[in-house]
Structures are given as C-alpha cells and as structure tokens.
PDB file of N, CA and C in Angstrom:
ATOM      1  N   MET A   1      37.306-108.818  43.507  1.00  0.00           N
ATOM      2  CA  MET A   1      37.281-107.540  44.214  1.00  0.00           C
ATOM      3  C   MET A   1      37.974-106.480  43.362  1.00  0.00           C
ATOM      4  N   LEU A   2      37.354-105.351  43.217  1.00  0.00           N
ATOM      5  CA  LEU A   2      37.918-104.267  42.410  1.00  0.00           C
ATOM      6  C   LEU A   2      38.985-103.517  43.201  1.00  0.00           C
ATOM      7  N   ALA A   3      40.019-103.118  42.525  1.00  0.00           N
ATOM      8  CA  ALA A   3      41.064-102.314  43.169  1.00  0.00           C
ATOM      9  C   ALA A   3      40.531-100.883  43.399  1.00  0.00           C
ATOM     10  N   VAL A   4      40.908-100.346  44.542  1.00  0.00           N
ATOM     11  CA  VAL A   4      40.475 -98.990  44.872  1.00  0.00           C
ATOM     12  C   VAL A   4      41.379 -98.031  44.147  1.00  0.00           C
ATOM     13  N   ASP A   5      40.782 -97.040  43.478  1.00  0.00           N
ATOM     14  CA  ASP A   5      41.563 -96.009  42.812  1.00  0.00           C
ATOM     15  C   ASP A   5      41.724 -94.828  43.743  1.00  0.00           C
ATOM     16  N   HIS A   6      42.850 -94.857  44.488  1.00  0.00           N
ATOM     17  CA  HIS A   6      43.040 -93.806  45.491  1.00  0.00           C
ATOM     18  C   HIS A   6      43.239 -92.455  44.823  1.00  0.00           C
ATOM     19  N   LYS A   7      43.778 -92.376  43.639  1.00  0.00           N
ATOM     20  CA  LYS A   7      43.928 -91.088  42.932  1.00  0.00           C
ATOM     21  C   LYS A   7      42.563 -90.504  42.675  1.00  0.00           C
ATOM     22  N   HIS A   8      41.610 -91.323  42.275  1.00  0.00           N
ATOM     23  CA  HIS A   8      40.222 -90.853  42.033  1.00  0.00           C
ATOM     24  C   HIS A   8      39.616 -90.313  43.322  1.00  0.00           C
ATOM     25  N   ILE A   9      39.783 -91.068  44.419  1.00  0.00           N
ATOM     26  CA  ILE A   9      39.256 -90.592  45.699  1.00  0.00           C
ATOM     27  C   ILE A   9      39.896 -89.217  46.085  1.00  0.00           C
ATOM     28  N   ILE A  10      41.178 -89.105  45.904  1.00  0.00           N
ATOM     29  CA  ILE A  10      41.861 -87.883  46.186  1.00  0.00           C
ATOM     30  C   ILE A  10      41.299 -86.718  45.351  1.00  0.00           C
ATOM     31  N   ASP A  11      41.179 -86.962  44.043  1.00  0.00           N
ATOM     32  CA  ASP A  11      40.670 -85.888  43.171  1.00  0.00           C
ATOM     33  C   ASP A  11      39.220 -85.557  43.396  1.00  0.00           C
ATOM     34  N   GLN A  12      38.381 -86.537  43.554  1.00  0.00           N
ATOM     35  CA  GLN A  12      36.945 -86.305  43.636  1.00  0.00           C
ATOM     36  C   GLN A  12      36.446 -85.984  45.045  1.00  0.00           C
ATOM     37  N   HIS A  13      37.152 -86.395  46.073  1.00  0.00           N
ATOM     38  CA  HIS A  13      36.655 -86.198  47.427  1.00  0.00           C
ATOM     39  C   HIS A  13      37.568 -85.314  48.279  1.00  0.00           C
ATOM     40  N   VAL A  14      38.837 -85.686  48.371  1.00  0.00           N
ATOM     41  CA  VAL A  14      39.743 -84.972  49.255  1.00  0.00           C
ATOM     42  C   VAL A  14      39.983 -83.558  48.711  1.00  0.00           C
ATOM     43  N   LYS A  15      40.468 -83.445  47.522  1.00  0.00           N
ATOM     44  CA  LYS A  15      40.816 -82.143  46.938  1.00  0.00           C
ATOM     45  C   LYS A  15      39.572 -81.270  46.796  1.00  0.00           C
ATOM     46  N   SER A  16      38.449 -81.864  46.400  1.00  0.00           N
ATOM     47  CA  SER A  16      37.225 -81.031  46.240  1.00  0.00           C
ATOM     48  C   SER A  16      36.753 -80.431  47.555  1.00  0.00           C
ATOM     49  N   VAL A  17      36.869 -81.178  48.635  1.00  0.00           N
ATOM     50  CA  VAL A  17      36.481 -80.640  49.956  1.00  0.00           C
ATOM     51  C   VAL A  17      37.455 -79.528  50.394  1.00  0.00           C
ATOM     52  N   LEU A  18      38.748 -79.761  50.152  1.00  0.00           N
ATOM     53  CA  LEU A  18      39.720 -78.748  50.513  1.00  0.00           C
ATOM     54  C   LEU A  18      39.499 -77.479  49.680  1.00  0.00           C
ATOM     55  N   HIS A  19      39.186 -77.616  48.396  1.00  0.00           N
ATOM     56  CA  HIS A  19      38.904 -76.460  47.567  1.00  0.00           C
ATOM     57  C   HIS A  19      37.671 -75.677  48.072  1.00  0.00           C
ATOM     58  N   GLU A  20      36.635 -76.410  48.432  1.00  0.00           N
ATOM     59  CA  GLU A  20      35.411 -75.804  48.961  1.00  0.00           C
ATOM     60  C   GLU A  20      35.677 -75.018  50.255  1.00  0.00           C
ATOM     61  N   SER A  21      36.486 -75.614  51.096  1.00  0.00           N
ATOM     62  CA  SER A  21      36.768 -75.030  52.412  1.00  0.00           C
ATOM     63  C   SER A  21      37.784 -73.885  52.395  1.00  0.00           C
ATOM     64  N   PHE A  22      38.764 -73.998  51.538  1.00  0.00           N
ATOM     65  CA  PHE A  22      39.927 -73.068  51.607  1.00  0.00           C
ATOM     66  C   PHE A  22      40.189 -72.296  50.357  1.00  0.00           C
ATOM     67  N   GLY A  23      39.513 -72.607  49.244  1.00  0.00           N
ATOM     68  CA  GLY A  23      39.794 -71.973  47.976  1.00  0.00           C
ATOM     69  C   GLY A  23      40.934 -72.732  47.292  1.00  0.00           C
ATOM     70  N   PRO A  24      41.090 -72.515  45.994  1.00  0.00           N
ATOM     71  CA  PRO A  24      42.068 -73.305  45.238  1.00  0.00           C
ATOM     72  C   PRO A  24      43.527 -73.128  45.670  1.00  0.00           C
ATOM     73  N   ALA A  25      43.930 -71.894  45.916  1.00  0.00           N
ATOM     74  CA  ALA A  25      45.335 -71.653  46.220  1.00  0.00           C
ATOM     75  C   ALA A  25      45.714 -72.267  47.594  1.00  0.00           C
ATOM     76  N   ALA A  26      44.932 -72.000  48.624  1.00  0.00           N
ATOM     77  CA  ALA A  26      45.232 -72.541  49.939  1.00  0.00           C
ATOM     78  C   ALA A  26      45.094 -74.074  49.930  1.00  0.00           C
ATOM     79  N   ALA A  27      44.095 -74.587  49.215  1.00  0.00           N
ATOM     80  CA  ALA A  27      43.906 -76.048  49.174  1.00  0.00           C
ATOM     81  C   ALA A  27      45.127 -76.703  48.533  1.00  0.00           C
ATOM     82  N   THR A  28      45.662 -76.109  47.506  1.00  0.00           N
ATOM     83  CA  THR A  28      46.862 -76.648  46.847  1.00  0.00           C
ATOM     84  C   THR A  28      48.014 -76.648  47.810  1.00  0.00           C
ATOM     85  N   MET A  29      48.198 -75.607  48.544  1.00  0.00           N
ATOM     86  CA  MET A  29      49.278 -75.522  49.513  1.00  0.00           C
ATOM     87  C   MET A  29      49.130 -76.552  50.637  1.00  0.00           C
ATOM     88  N   ILE A  30      47.913 -76.706  51.138  1.00  0.00           N
ATOM     89  CA  ILE A  30      47.642 -77.709  52.206  1.00  0.00           C
ATOM     90  C   ILE A  30      47.907 -79.064  51.677  1.00  0.00           C
ATOM     91  N   PHE A  31      47.473 -79.382  50.494  1.00  0.00           N
ATOM     92  CA  PHE A  31      47.630 -80.698  49.929  1.00  0.00           C
ATOM     93  C   PHE A  31      49.133 -80.974  49.675  1.00  0.00           C
ATOM     94  N   ALA A  32      49.832 -80.029  49.112  1.00  0.00           N
ATOM     95  CA  ALA A  32      51.288 -80.193  48.827  1.00  0.00           C
ATOM     96  C   ALA A  32      52.071 -80.391  50.116  1.00  0.00           C
ATOM     97  N   THR A  33      51.749 -79.617  51.150  1.00  0.00           N
ATOM     98  CA  THR A  33      52.412 -79.735  52.428  1.00  0.00           C
ATOM     99  C   THR A  33      52.163 -81.122  53.028  1.00  0.00           C
ATOM    100  N   ALA A  34      50.916 -81.564  53.037  1.00  0.00           N
ATOM    101  CA  ALA A  34      50.576 -82.863  53.594  1.00  0.00           C
ATOM    102  C   ALA A  34      51.244 -83.976  52.795  1.00  0.00           C
ATOM    103  N   SER A  35      51.216 -83.865  51.503  1.00  0.00           N
ATOM    104  CA  SER A  35      51.847 -84.912  50.646  1.00  0.00           C
ATOM    105  C   SER A  35      53.350 -84.994  50.956  1.00  0.00           C
ATOM    106  N   ASN A  36      53.967 -83.832  51.107  1.00  0.00           N
ATOM    107  CA  ASN A  36      55.403 -83.796  51.394  1.00  0.00           C
ATOM    108  C   ASN A  36      55.676 -84.388  52.747  1.00  0.00           C
ATOM    109  N   ARG A  37      54.878 -84.012  53.761  1.00  0.00           N
ATOM    110  CA  ARG A  37      55.075 -84.538  55.130  1.00  0.00           C
ATOM    111  C   ARG A  37      54.894 -86.039  55.188  1.00  0.00           C
ATOM    112  N   ALA A  38      53.920 -86.527  54.455  1.00  0.00           N
ATOM    113  CA  ALA A  38      53.627 -87.954  54.496  1.00  0.00           C
ATOM    114  C   ALA A  38      54.558 -88.771  53.555  1.00  0.00           C
ATOM    115  N   GLY A  39      55.302 -88.057  52.733  1.00  0.00           N
ATOM    116  CA  GLY A  39      56.183 -88.708  51.780  1.00  0.00           C
ATOM    117  C   GLY A  39      55.420 -89.592  50.755  1.00  0.00           C
ATOM    118  N   VAL A  40      54.323 -89.089  50.303  1.00  0.00           N
ATOM    119  CA  VAL A  40      53.409 -89.836  49.505  1.00  0.00           C
ATOM    120  C   VAL A  40      53.422 -89.381  48.023  1.00  0.00           C
ATOM    121  N   PRO A  41      53.689 -90.334  47.101  1.00  0.00           N
ATOM    122  CA  PRO A  41      53.531 -89.966  45.684  1.00  0.00           C
ATOM    123  C   PRO A  41      52.039 -89.989  45.367  1.00  0.00           C
ATOM    124  N   ILE A  42      51.667 -89.325  44.326  1.00  0.00           N
ATOM    125  CA  ILE A  42      50.246 -89.268  43.961  1.00  0.00           C
ATOM    126  C   ILE A  42      49.887 -90.403  43.002  1.00  0.00           C
ATOM    127  N   MET A  43      50.807 -90.710  42.087  1.00  0.00           N
ATOM    128  CA  MET A  43      50.521 -91.810  41.160  1.00  0.00           C
ATOM    129  C   MET A  43      50.902 -93.134  41.823  1.00  0.00           C
ATOM    130  N   GLY A  44      50.031 -94.156  41.701  1.00  0.00           N
ATOM    131  CA  GLY A  44      50.331 -95.447  42.253  1.00  0.00           C
ATOM    132  C   GLY A  44      50.318 -95.484  43.769  1.00  0.00           C
ATOM    133  N   ILE A  45      49.518 -94.649  44.361  1.00  0.00           N
ATOM    134  CA  ILE A  45      49.429 -94.558  45.800  1.00  0.00           C
ATOM    135  C   ILE A  45      48.762 -95.821  46.402  1.00  0.00           C
ATOM    136  N   THR A  46      49.354 -96.331  47.452  1.00  0.00           N
ATOM    137  CA  THR A  46      48.795 -97.494  48.143  1.00  0.00           C
ATOM    138  C   THR A  46      47.776 -97.042  49.205  1.00  0.00           C
ATOM    139  N   LYS A  47      47.059 -97.997  49.779  1.00  0.00           N
ATOM    140  CA  LYS A  47      46.152 -97.656  50.837  1.00  0.00           C
ATOM    141  C   LYS A  47      46.858 -97.038  52.040  1.00  0.00           C
ATOM    142  N   ASP A  48      47.976 -97.629  52.418  1.00  0.00           N
ATOM    143  CA  ASP A  48      48.738 -97.078  53.558  1.00  0.00           C
ATOM    144  C   ASP A  48      49.184 -95.637  53.273  1.00  0.00           C
ATOM    145  N   GLN A  49      49.656 -95.417  52.054  1.00  0.00           N
ATOM    146  CA  GLN A  49      50.104 -94.049  51.703  1.00  0.00           C
ATOM    147  C   GLN A  49      48.903 -93.084  51.686  1.00  0.00           C
ATOM    148  N   PHE A  50      47.760 -93.557  51.164  1.00  0.00           N
ATOM    149  CA  PHE A  50      46.551 -92.740  51.180  1.00  0.00           C
ATOM    150  C   PHE A  50      46.180 -92.331  52.612  1.00  0.00           C
ATOM    151  N   GLU A  51      46.207 -93.317  53.489  1.00  0.00           N
ATOM    152  CA  GLU A  51      45.864 -93.036  54.895  1.00  0.00           C
ATOM    153  C   GLU A  51      46.849 -92.099  55.514  1.00  0.00           C
ATOM    154  N   ALA A  52      48.117 -92.203  55.231  1.00  0.00           N
ATOM    155  CA  ALA A  52      49.137 -91.278  55.735  1.00  0.00           C
ATOM    156  C   ALA A  52      48.882 -89.883  55.195  1.00  0.00           C
ATOM    157  N   LEU A  53      48.528 -89.760  53.951  1.00  0.00           N
ATOM    158  CA  LEU A  53      48.185 -88.488  53.379  1.00  0.00           C
ATOM    159  C   LEU A  53      46.975 -87.845  54.068  1.00  0.00           C
ATOM    160  N   VAL A  54      45.932 -88.616  54.235  1.00  0.00           N
ATOM    161  CA  VAL A  54      44.724 -88.131  54.904  1.00  0.00           C
ATOM    162  C   VAL A  54      45.065 -87.669  56.339  1.00  0.00           C
ATOM    163  N   ASP A  55      45.865 -88.493  57.036  1.00  0.00           N
ATOM    164  CA  ASP A  55      46.267 -88.122  58.371  1.00  0.00           C
ATOM    165  C   ASP A  55      47.047 -86.793  58.395  1.00  0.00           C
ATOM    166  N   ALA A  56      47.918 -86.578  57.436  1.00  0.00           N
ATOM    167  CA  ALA A  56      48.698 -85.369  57.333  1.00  0.00           C
ATOM    168  C   ALA A  56      47.791 -84.166  57.028  1.00  0.00           C
ATOM    169  N   ILE A  57      46.799 -84.390  56.170  1.00  0.00           N
ATOM    170  CA  ILE A  57      45.887 -83.243  55.853  1.00  0.00           C
ATOM    171  C   ILE A  57      45.114 -82.809  57.047  1.00  0.00           C
ATOM    172  N   VAL A  58      44.519 -83.772  57.791  1.00  0.00           N
ATOM    173  CA  VAL A  58      43.712 -83.375  58.928  1.00  0.00           C
ATOM    174  C   VAL A  58      44.565 -82.934  60.123  1.00  0.00           C
ATOM    175  N   ALA A  59      45.876 -83.163  60.101  1.00  0.00           N
ATOM    176  CA  ALA A  59      46.776 -82.678  61.171  1.00  0.00           C
ATOM    177  C   ALA A  59      47.312 -81.306  60.862  1.00  0.00           C
ATOM    178  N   ASP A  60      47.098 -80.821  59.631  1.00  0.00           N
ATOM    179  CA  ASP A  60      47.569 -79.456  59.250  1.00  0.00           C
ATOM    180  C   ASP A  60      46.827 -78.461  60.122  1.00  0.00           C
ATOM    181  N   GLN A  61      47.593 -77.514  60.668  1.00  0.00           N
ATOM    182  CA  GLN A  61      47.018 -76.524  61.605  1.00  0.00           C
ATOM    183  C   GLN A  61      45.907 -75.698  60.950  1.00  0.00           C
ATOM    184  N   ARG A  62      46.085 -75.382  59.671  1.00  0.00           N
ATOM    185  CA  ARG A  62      45.052 -74.584  58.945  1.00  0.00           C
ATOM    186  C   ARG A  62      43.754 -75.371  58.857  1.00  0.00           C
ATOM    187  N   VAL A  63      43.853 -76.643  58.647  1.00  0.00           N
ATOM    188  CA  VAL A  63      42.645 -77.486  58.578  1.00  0.00           C
ATOM    189  C   VAL A  63      42.023 -77.658  59.972  1.00  0.00           C
ATOM    190  N   LEU A  64      42.853 -77.902  60.962  1.00  0.00           N
ATOM    191  CA  LEU A  64      42.328 -77.983  62.347  1.00  0.00           C
ATOM    192  C   LEU A  64      41.662 -76.689  62.751  1.00  0.00           C
ATOM    193  N   ASP A  65      42.233 -75.553  62.417  1.00  0.00           N
ATOM    194  CA  ASP A  65      41.621 -74.255  62.754  1.00  0.00           C
ATOM    195  C   ASP A  65      40.285 -74.060  62.105  1.00  0.00           C
ATOM    196  N   ALA A  66      40.151 -74.501  60.845  1.00  0.00           N
ATOM    197  CA  ALA A  66      38.916 -74.318  60.116  1.00  0.00           C
ATOM    198  C   ALA A  66      37.849 -75.362  60.496  1.00  0.00           C
ATOM    199  N   TRP A  67      38.229 -76.609  60.633  1.00  0.00           N
ATOM    200  CA  TRP A  67      37.235 -77.664  60.853  1.00  0.00           C
ATOM    201  C   TRP A  67      37.120 -78.119  62.273  1.00  0.00           C
ATOM    202  N   GLY A  68      38.084 -77.797  63.117  1.00  0.00           N
ATOM    203  CA  GLY A  68      38.112 -78.280  64.504  1.00  0.00           C
ATOM    204  C   GLY A  68      38.456 -79.725  64.556  1.00  0.00           C
ATOM    205  N   SER A  69      38.724 -80.227  65.752  1.00  0.00           N
ATOM    206  CA  SER A  69      39.153 -81.598  65.850  1.00  0.00           C
ATOM    207  C   SER A  69      38.071 -82.623  65.522  1.00  0.00           C
ATOM    208  N   THR A  70      36.824 -82.287  65.809  1.00  0.00           N
ATOM    209  CA  THR A  70      35.703 -83.176  65.498  1.00  0.00           C
ATOM    210  C   THR A  70      35.517 -83.218  63.974  1.00  0.00           C
ATOM    211  N   GLY A  71      35.547 -82.060  63.313  1.00  0.00           N
ATOM    212  CA  GLY A  71      35.386 -82.034  61.874  1.00  0.00           C
ATOM    213  C   GLY A  71      36.535 -82.755  61.170  1.00  0.00           C
ATOM    214  N   CYS A  72      37.740 -82.650  61.696  1.00  0.00           N
ATOM    215  CA  CYS A  72      38.879 -83.348  61.095  1.00  0.00           C
ATOM    216  C   CYS A  72      38.697 -84.864  61.278  1.00  0.00           C
ATOM    217  N   ALA A  73      38.286 -85.265  62.456  1.00  0.00           N
ATOM    218  CA  ALA A  73      38.069 -86.675  62.716  1.00  0.00           C
ATOM    219  C   ALA A  73      36.985 -87.248  61.799  1.00  0.00           C
ATOM    220  N   ASP A  74      35.920 -86.477  61.607  1.00  0.00           N
ATOM    221  CA  ASP A  74      34.838 -86.900  60.702  1.00  0.00           C
ATOM    222  C   ASP A  74      35.320 -87.096  59.263  1.00  0.00           C
ATOM    223  N   ARG A  75      36.091 -86.123  58.781  1.00  0.00           N
ATOM    224  CA  ARG A  75      36.610 -86.210  57.424  1.00  0.00           C
ATOM    225  C   ARG A  75      37.587 -87.354  57.291  1.00  0.00           C
ATOM    226  N   ARG A  76      38.425 -87.521  58.276  1.00  0.00           N
ATOM    227  CA  ARG A  76      39.381 -88.622  58.271  1.00  0.00           C
ATOM    228  C   ARG A  76      38.601 -89.984  58.109  1.00  0.00           C
ATOM    229  N   ARG A  77      37.618 -90.177  58.945  1.00  0.00           N
ATOM    230  CA  ARG A  77      36.805 -91.377  58.881  1.00  0.00           C
ATOM    231  C   ARG A  77      36.141 -91.544  57.527  1.00  0.00           C
ATOM    232  N   GLU A  78      35.579 -90.480  57.014  1.00  0.00           N
ATOM    233  CA  GLU A  78      34.887 -90.491  55.738  1.00  0.00           C
ATOM    234  C   GLU A  78      35.858 -90.874  54.594  1.00  0.00           C
ATOM    235  N   TRP A  79      36.989 -90.200  54.539  1.00  0.00           N
ATOM    236  CA  TRP A  79      37.922 -90.451  53.471  1.00  0.00           C
ATOM    237  C   TRP A  79      38.539 -91.835  53.558  1.00  0.00           C
ATOM    238  N   ARG A  80      38.873 -92.296  54.748  1.00  0.00           N
ATOM    239  CA  ARG A  80      39.414 -93.656  54.922  1.00  0.00           C
ATOM    240  C   ARG A  80      38.381 -94.690  54.529  1.00  0.00           C
ATOM    241  N   ALA A  81      37.090 -94.473  54.830  1.00  0.00           N
ATOM    242  CA  ALA A  81      36.049 -95.405  54.452  1.00  0.00           C
ATOM    243  C   ALA A  81      35.956 -95.521  52.954  1.00  0.00           C
ATOM    244  N   LEU A  82      36.151 -94.441  52.229  1.00  0.00           N
ATOM    245  CA  LEU A  82      36.101 -94.507  50.750  1.00  0.00           C
ATOM    246  C   LEU A  82      37.213 -95.410  50.176  1.00  0.00           C
ATOM    247  N   ALA A  83      38.318 -95.472  50.928  1.00  0.00           N
ATOM    248  CA  ALA A  83      39.460 -96.260  50.451  1.00  0.00           C
ATOM    249  C   ALA A  83      39.329 -97.718  50.844  1.00  0.00           C
ATOM    250  N   GLY A  84      38.379 -98.038  51.615  1.00  0.00           N
ATOM    251  CA  GLY A  84      38.124 -99.453  51.970  1.00  0.00           C
ATOM    252  C   GLY A  84      38.804 -99.943  53.164  1.00  0.00           C
TER     253      GLY A  84
END
C-alpha cells in the first residue's frame, strides 16, 4: 500500500480550491488560520492532522459564508476521501 502524501493533497486540492474561491491573499489567511487552530504542521502531516486541518478550514466563517454548510460538507467529504 502506498503512503498518502497529505502535503500533495493540500497543495493540489485544498489550497487550489481556496485560491479559486477566495483569491490568493484570503486563501492564505484562511489556510494559516485553520492550520493554527488545528495545531497542524504542514511537513510530515498525518491523516488525523490532515482531517483536523480540513475540519478547521470548512468551519472557518469566511468559508461557511461563501460555500454554505452543504458546500463545506461536500468539500470536507471530497478532501477526506483523497486522504484515504
């Protein structure tokens, strides 16, 4: 079984969606806030830490306002599925 590269998923899927939805500056702020709230390092991130980060991103009020609760739940499911 191949190890999941959570950093790759973050860069290619999570950050790219945030950038598309919010622009680079706001996306960076949302990601940094969520990372801080979840207490998650970016290098060597585990599946549990990845899931905590995703949960923190979709719980951010800016994200909830933009995507709604259904959109946030859909993204959460999508991103967690990528991590296995």
